[in-house]
Amino acid sequence: MPDKLIVCHKCSHAWSFVPPLGRRDMCPACQSDSRVCRNCVFFDPGSYRECREEQAEWVKEKDRGNFCGWFDAKSTGKAPGDDPAAKARAKLEAAFSGIPEPLGDERAQTTASLTSDLEKFLKSRK
């Protein structure tokens, strides 16, 4: 049987193994259990019992090794550089990189000016 790829649910480390993955097998990087619901293709937090396989028995601890007969290692996961929030932040920084940021006294004056403008606006709305 060919090697299969698995991505750790805890540290996102990817490695290959020869199936089947045992209940006591661990991630070589972080030493967390590998045969866990969170590393399975059927794991889905939005599904009933957090599992898309309807015939699977309920497992309480989704991040602990178990004996589920339906386990199939998930070979995709969040790689260390695949943080969506970091990507969005980088896009925003790139979009606004041409705008100079006020420094020192200039920043204080800008803040004071904006505060007074806001106060005037709020008073006019009463």
N, C-alpha and C. Protein backbone atom coordinates (compact mmCIF):
# COMPACT_ATOMS: atom_id res chain seq x y z
N MET A 1 0.85 -1.18 0.00
CA MET A 1 0.00 0.00 0.00
C MET A 1 0.90 1.25 0.00
N PRO A 2 0.59 2.24 -0.82
CA PRO A 2 1.44 3.45 -0.89
C PRO A 2 1.30 4.32 0.36
N ASP A 3 2.31 5.14 0.55
CA ASP A 3 2.28 6.08 1.68
C ASP A 3 1.13 7.06 1.51
N LYS A 4 0.59 7.50 2.63
CA LYS A 4 -0.49 8.48 2.63
C LYS A 4 -0.03 9.70 3.41
N LEU A 5 -0.49 10.86 3.00
CA LEU A 5 -0.12 12.11 3.65
C LEU A 5 -1.14 12.47 4.72
N ILE A 6 -0.67 13.00 5.83
CA ILE A 6 -1.56 13.48 6.89
C ILE A 6 -1.02 14.82 7.38
N VAL A 7 -1.92 15.71 7.75
CA VAL A 7 -1.56 17.02 8.29
C VAL A 7 -2.09 17.08 9.72
N CYS A 8 -1.22 17.36 10.67
CA CYS A 8 -1.59 17.39 12.08
C CYS A 8 -2.60 18.51 12.36
N HIS A 9 -3.64 18.17 13.10
CA HIS A 9 -4.67 19.15 13.45
C HIS A 9 -4.15 20.19 14.43
N LYS A 10 -3.11 19.85 15.17
CA LYS A 10 -2.62 20.74 16.22
C LYS A 10 -1.52 21.68 15.75
N CYS A 11 -0.52 21.15 15.02
CA CYS A 11 0.63 21.99 14.63
C CYS A 11 0.77 22.19 13.12
N SER A 12 -0.11 21.57 12.34
CA SER A 12 -0.12 21.68 10.87
C SER A 12 1.09 21.04 10.21
N HIS A 13 1.81 20.20 10.93
CA HIS A 13 2.95 19.48 10.35
C HIS A 13 2.42 18.38 9.43
N ALA A 14 2.97 18.28 8.23
CA ALA A 14 2.56 17.26 7.28
C ALA A 14 3.63 16.17 7.21
N TRP A 15 3.19 14.93 7.20
CA TRP A 15 4.11 13.80 7.05
C TRP A 15 3.37 12.65 6.39
N SER A 16 4.12 11.68 5.90
CA SER A 16 3.50 10.53 5.26
C SER A 16 3.64 9.30 6.15
N PHE A 17 2.69 8.38 6.00
CA PHE A 17 2.69 7.14 6.78
C PHE A 17 2.14 6.02 5.91
N VAL A 18 2.39 4.80 6.32
CA VAL A 18 1.84 3.64 5.63
C VAL A 18 0.59 3.22 6.40
N PRO A 19 -0.60 3.26 5.76
CA PRO A 19 -1.83 2.90 6.46
C PRO A 19 -1.78 1.45 6.94
N PRO A 20 -2.47 1.09 7.99
CA PRO A 20 -3.36 1.95 8.77
C PRO A 20 -2.62 2.73 9.84
N LEU A 21 -3.19 3.83 10.24
CA LEU A 21 -2.63 4.66 11.30
C LEU A 21 -3.17 4.11 12.62
N GLY A 22 -2.29 3.76 13.53
CA GLY A 22 -2.70 3.18 14.80
C GLY A 22 -3.22 4.20 15.79
N ARG A 23 -3.97 3.72 16.79
CA ARG A 23 -4.55 4.61 17.78
C ARG A 23 -3.48 5.32 18.60
N ARG A 24 -2.34 4.73 18.78
CA ARG A 24 -1.28 5.33 19.59
C ARG A 24 -0.23 6.07 18.75
N ASP A 25 -0.40 6.13 17.44
CA ASP A 25 0.55 6.86 16.60
C ASP A 25 0.46 8.35 16.90
N MET A 26 1.62 9.01 16.82
CA MET A 26 1.69 10.44 17.17
C MET A 26 2.32 11.25 16.05
N CYS A 27 2.04 12.53 16.09
CA CYS A 27 2.66 13.49 15.17
C CYS A 27 4.15 13.56 15.52
N PRO A 28 5.04 13.43 14.53
CA PRO A 28 6.47 13.49 14.83
C PRO A 28 6.93 14.87 15.29
N ALA A 29 6.16 15.90 15.01
CA ALA A 29 6.57 17.26 15.38
C ALA A 29 6.12 17.65 16.79
N CYS A 30 4.84 17.42 17.12
CA CYS A 30 4.31 17.91 18.40
C CYS A 30 3.92 16.79 19.37
N GLN A 31 4.03 15.56 18.94
CA GLN A 31 3.73 14.39 19.77
C GLN A 31 2.27 14.29 20.20
N SER A 32 1.36 14.92 19.46
CA SER A 32 -0.07 14.76 19.77
C SER A 32 -0.58 13.52 19.04
N ASP A 33 -1.69 12.96 19.54
CA ASP A 33 -2.28 11.78 18.90
C ASP A 33 -2.61 12.09 17.45
N SER A 34 -2.41 11.09 16.57
CA SER A 34 -2.67 11.31 15.15
C SER A 34 -4.01 10.74 14.70
N ARG A 35 -4.38 9.58 15.25
CA ARG A 35 -5.65 8.97 14.85
C ARG A 35 -6.76 9.57 15.70
N VAL A 36 -7.13 10.80 15.37
CA VAL A 36 -8.15 11.55 16.11
C VAL A 36 -9.18 12.08 15.12
N CYS A 37 -10.35 12.38 15.62
CA CYS A 37 -11.42 12.89 14.77
C CYS A 37 -10.99 14.13 13.98
N ARG A 38 -10.25 15.02 14.62
CA ARG A 38 -9.85 16.27 13.96
C ARG A 38 -8.91 16.03 12.78
N ASN A 39 -8.31 14.86 12.67
CA ASN A 39 -7.44 14.53 11.53
C ASN A 39 -8.17 13.67 10.50
N CYS A 40 -9.46 13.50 10.63
CA CYS A 40 -10.23 12.62 9.75
C CYS A 40 -10.99 13.42 8.69
N VAL A 41 -11.14 12.82 7.51
CA VAL A 41 -11.87 13.50 6.43
C VAL A 41 -13.34 13.69 6.78
N PHE A 42 -13.88 12.88 7.68
CA PHE A 42 -15.29 12.97 8.04
C PHE A 42 -15.55 14.01 9.14
N PHE A 43 -14.51 14.54 9.76
CA PHE A 43 -14.70 15.51 10.84
C PHE A 43 -15.28 16.80 10.27
N ASP A 44 -16.38 17.25 10.88
CA ASP A 44 -17.04 18.48 10.45
C ASP A 44 -17.74 19.09 11.68
N PRO A 45 -17.22 20.20 12.21
CA PRO A 45 -17.81 20.80 13.41
C PRO A 45 -19.28 21.16 13.26
N GLY A 46 -19.75 21.38 12.03
CA GLY A 46 -21.15 21.76 11.82
C GLY A 46 -22.10 20.58 11.69
N SER A 47 -21.59 19.37 11.62
CA SER A 47 -22.43 18.19 11.46
C SER A 47 -22.88 17.63 12.80
N TYR A 48 -23.89 16.78 12.73
CA TYR A 48 -24.36 16.08 13.93
C TYR A 48 -23.22 15.26 14.50
N ARG A 49 -22.95 15.41 15.76
CA ARG A 49 -21.84 14.75 16.45
C ARG A 49 -20.47 15.10 15.86
N GLU A 50 -20.43 16.17 15.07
CA GLU A 50 -19.20 16.66 14.43
C GLU A 50 -18.57 15.63 13.50
N CYS A 51 -19.42 14.79 12.88
CA CYS A 51 -18.93 13.75 11.97
C CYS A 51 -19.92 13.59 10.82
N ARG A 52 -19.39 13.59 9.58
CA ARG A 52 -20.26 13.43 8.41
C ARG A 52 -20.61 11.97 8.14
N GLU A 53 -19.90 11.03 8.76
CA GLU A 53 -20.21 9.61 8.61
C GLU A 53 -21.32 9.26 9.60
N GLU A 54 -22.52 8.99 9.08
CA GLU A 54 -23.68 8.77 9.93
C GLU A 54 -23.61 7.48 10.73
N GLN A 55 -22.86 6.49 10.27
CA GLN A 55 -22.81 5.21 10.96
C GLN A 55 -21.73 5.15 12.04
N ALA A 56 -20.89 6.16 12.09
CA ALA A 56 -19.80 6.16 13.08
C ALA A 56 -20.36 6.38 14.48
N GLU A 57 -19.75 5.72 15.46
CA GLU A 57 -20.15 5.91 16.85
C GLU A 57 -19.67 7.27 17.34
N TRP A 58 -20.37 7.82 18.33
CA TRP A 58 -20.02 9.12 18.87
C TRP A 58 -18.70 9.04 19.64
N VAL A 59 -17.82 10.02 19.39
CA VAL A 59 -16.55 10.12 20.10
C VAL A 59 -16.57 11.45 20.84
N LYS A 60 -16.40 11.39 22.15
CA LYS A 60 -16.50 12.60 22.97
C LYS A 60 -15.30 13.52 22.77
N GLU A 61 -14.10 12.96 22.89
CA GLU A 61 -12.88 13.77 22.79
C GLU A 61 -12.32 13.70 21.37
N LYS A 62 -12.57 14.74 20.62
CA LYS A 62 -12.21 14.76 19.20
C LYS A 62 -10.72 14.89 18.94
N ASP A 63 -9.95 15.24 19.96
CA ASP A 63 -8.51 15.42 19.78
C ASP A 63 -7.70 14.34 20.51
N ARG A 64 -8.35 13.23 20.87
CA ARG A 64 -7.67 12.12 21.53
C ARG A 64 -7.76 10.89 20.64
N GLY A 65 -6.77 10.01 20.73
CA GLY A 65 -6.77 8.79 19.95
C GLY A 65 -8.02 7.96 20.20
N ASN A 66 -8.56 7.32 19.15
CA ASN A 66 -9.76 6.51 19.30
C ASN A 66 -9.72 5.30 18.37
N PHE A 67 -10.73 4.45 18.48
CA PHE A 67 -10.79 3.21 17.70
C PHE A 67 -11.81 3.28 16.57
N CYS A 68 -12.20 4.44 16.13
CA CYS A 68 -13.23 4.58 15.10
C CYS A 68 -12.85 3.81 13.83
N GLY A 69 -13.76 2.97 13.38
CA GLY A 69 -13.52 2.16 12.19
C GLY A 69 -13.65 2.94 10.89
N TRP A 70 -14.20 4.13 10.96
CA TRP A 70 -14.42 4.95 9.76
C TRP A 70 -13.28 5.95 9.54
N PHE A 71 -12.29 5.95 10.39
CA PHE A 71 -11.20 6.93 10.29
C PHE A 71 -10.51 6.87 8.94
N ASP A 72 -10.36 8.03 8.31
CA ASP A 72 -9.61 8.17 7.06
C ASP A 72 -8.82 9.48 7.19
N ALA A 73 -7.51 9.36 7.17
CA ALA A 73 -6.65 10.52 7.42
C ALA A 73 -6.90 11.65 6.43
N LYS A 74 -7.04 12.83 6.98
CA LYS A 74 -7.23 14.04 6.17
C LYS A 74 -5.85 14.51 5.70
N SER A 75 -5.67 14.67 4.41
CA SER A 75 -4.36 15.05 3.89
C SER A 75 -4.26 16.53 3.57
N THR A 76 -5.27 17.28 3.96
CA THR A 76 -5.21 18.73 3.77
C THR A 76 -5.36 19.37 5.13
N GLY A 77 -4.85 20.53 5.23
CA GLY A 77 -4.95 21.24 6.50
C GLY A 77 -4.37 22.61 6.35
N LYS A 78 -4.34 23.30 7.43
CA LYS A 78 -3.82 24.66 7.44
C LYS A 78 -2.31 24.60 7.58
N ALA A 79 -1.62 24.94 6.52
CA ALA A 79 -0.17 25.01 6.58
C ALA A 79 0.22 26.24 7.38
N PRO A 80 1.42 26.27 7.97
CA PRO A 80 1.81 27.41 8.80
C PRO A 80 1.65 28.76 8.13
N GLY A 81 1.83 28.87 6.81
CA GLY A 81 1.70 30.15 6.13
C GLY A 81 0.33 30.41 5.55
N ASP A 82 -0.64 29.54 5.84
CA ASP A 82 -1.97 29.65 5.25
C ASP A 82 -3.01 30.29 6.15
N ASP A 83 -2.62 31.22 6.97
CA ASP A 83 -3.55 31.88 7.87
C ASP A 83 -4.35 32.91 7.09
N PRO A 84 -5.68 32.74 6.94
CA PRO A 84 -6.48 33.68 6.16
C PRO A 84 -6.43 35.10 6.72
N ALA A 85 -6.40 35.23 8.03
CA ALA A 85 -6.35 36.56 8.65
C ALA A 85 -5.04 37.27 8.29
N ALA A 86 -3.94 36.52 8.29
CA ALA A 86 -2.64 37.11 7.93
C ALA A 86 -2.62 37.53 6.47
N LYS A 87 -3.25 36.71 5.60
CA LYS A 87 -3.31 37.07 4.18
C LYS A 87 -4.12 38.34 3.97
N ALA A 88 -5.26 38.45 4.66
CA ALA A 88 -6.10 39.64 4.54
C ALA A 88 -5.37 40.86 5.07
N ARG A 89 -4.67 40.70 6.19
CA ARG A 89 -3.91 41.81 6.77
C ARG A 89 -2.82 42.28 5.80
N ALA A 90 -2.16 41.32 5.15
CA ALA A 90 -1.10 41.66 4.19
C ALA A 90 -1.68 42.42 2.99
N LYS A 91 -2.86 42.00 2.53
CA LYS A 91 -3.51 42.69 1.41
C LYS A 91 -3.86 44.13 1.79
N LEU A 92 -4.39 44.32 3.01
CA LEU A 92 -4.73 45.67 3.47
C LEU A 92 -3.49 46.54 3.59
N GLU A 93 -2.43 45.98 4.15
CA GLU A 93 -1.19 46.74 4.28
C GLU A 93 -0.63 47.12 2.91
N ALA A 94 -0.76 46.22 1.94
CA ALA A 94 -0.28 46.53 0.59
C ALA A 94 -1.13 47.63 -0.05
N ALA A 95 -2.44 47.58 0.20
CA ALA A 95 -3.35 48.57 -0.39
C ALA A 95 -3.11 49.96 0.19
N PHE A 96 -2.77 50.05 1.46
CA PHE A 96 -2.59 51.33 2.11
C PHE A 96 -1.13 51.69 2.35
N SER A 97 -0.23 51.00 1.68
CA SER A 97 1.19 51.24 1.91
C SER A 97 1.64 52.61 1.40
N GLY A 98 0.94 53.21 0.45
CA GLY A 98 1.33 54.51 -0.10
C GLY A 98 0.90 55.68 0.76
N ILE A 99 0.07 55.43 1.77
CA ILE A 99 -0.43 56.51 2.62
C ILE A 99 0.54 56.69 3.79
N PRO A 100 1.16 57.88 3.90
CA PRO A 100 2.11 58.07 5.01
C PRO A 100 1.38 58.15 6.35
N GLU A 101 1.98 57.59 7.34
CA GLU A 101 1.40 57.60 8.68
C GLU A 101 1.91 58.83 9.43
N PRO A 102 1.01 59.60 10.07
CA PRO A 102 1.46 60.79 10.80
C PRO A 102 2.38 60.40 11.96
N LEU A 103 3.36 61.24 12.24
CA LEU A 103 4.32 60.97 13.29
C LEU A 103 4.24 62.01 14.39
N GLY A 104 4.50 61.58 15.61
CA GLY A 104 4.65 62.48 16.76
C GLY A 104 3.54 63.49 16.93
N ASP A 105 3.92 64.80 16.92
CA ASP A 105 2.96 65.88 17.15
C ASP A 105 1.89 65.91 16.07
N GLU A 106 2.27 65.58 14.87
CA GLU A 106 1.32 65.57 13.76
C GLU A 106 0.19 64.57 14.04
N ARG A 107 0.52 63.40 14.63
CA ARG A 107 -0.49 62.40 14.98
C ARG A 107 -1.41 62.94 16.07
N ALA A 108 -0.86 63.62 17.07
CA ALA A 108 -1.65 64.18 18.15
C ALA A 108 -2.60 65.25 17.61
N GLN A 109 -2.11 66.10 16.69
CA GLN A 109 -2.94 67.15 16.10
C GLN A 109 -4.07 66.52 15.29
N THR A 110 -3.75 65.48 14.54
CA THR A 110 -4.76 64.81 13.73
C THR A 110 -5.83 64.20 14.63
N THR A 111 -5.42 63.56 15.71
CA THR A 111 -6.35 62.95 16.65
C THR A 111 -7.22 64.02 17.30
N ALA A 112 -6.62 65.12 17.72
CA ALA A 112 -7.38 66.21 18.35
C ALA A 112 -8.37 66.80 17.36
N SER A 113 -7.95 66.98 16.13
CA SER A 113 -8.82 67.53 15.10
C SER A 113 -10.01 66.61 14.84
N LEU A 114 -9.73 65.32 14.73
CA LEU A 114 -10.81 64.36 14.49
C LEU A 114 -11.76 64.29 15.67
N THR A 115 -11.23 64.38 16.88
CA THR A 115 -12.06 64.35 18.09
C THR A 115 -12.98 65.55 18.13
N SER A 116 -12.44 66.74 17.82
CA SER A 116 -13.29 67.95 17.85
C SER A 116 -14.33 67.89 16.74
N ASP A 117 -13.97 67.38 15.57
CA ASP A 117 -14.94 67.25 14.49
C ASP A 117 -16.06 66.29 14.88
N LEU A 118 -15.71 65.20 15.55
CA LEU A 118 -16.72 64.24 15.99
C LEU A 118 -17.64 64.86 17.03
N GLU A 119 -17.07 65.60 17.96
CA GLU A 119 -17.89 66.25 18.99
C GLU A 119 -18.85 67.26 18.37
N LYS A 120 -18.38 68.04 17.39
CA LYS A 120 -19.25 69.00 16.70
C LYS A 120 -20.39 68.28 15.99
N PHE A 121 -20.06 67.19 15.34
CA PHE A 121 -21.07 66.41 14.61
C PHE A 121 -22.11 65.87 15.57
N LEU A 122 -21.68 65.30 16.68
CA LEU A 122 -22.62 64.73 17.64
C LEU A 122 -23.50 65.80 18.27
N LYS A 123 -22.95 66.99 18.54
CA LYS A 123 -23.75 68.08 19.10
C LYS A 123 -24.78 68.57 18.11
N SER A 124 -24.43 68.59 16.83
CA SER A 124 -25.37 69.06 15.81
C SER A 124 -26.53 68.07 15.60
N ARG A 125 -26.35 66.83 15.99
CA ARG A 125 -27.40 65.81 15.80
C ARG A 125 -28.42 65.84 16.93
N LYS A 126 -28.14 66.56 18.03
CA LYS A 126 -29.09 66.60 19.17
C LYS A 126 -30.22 67.52 18.93
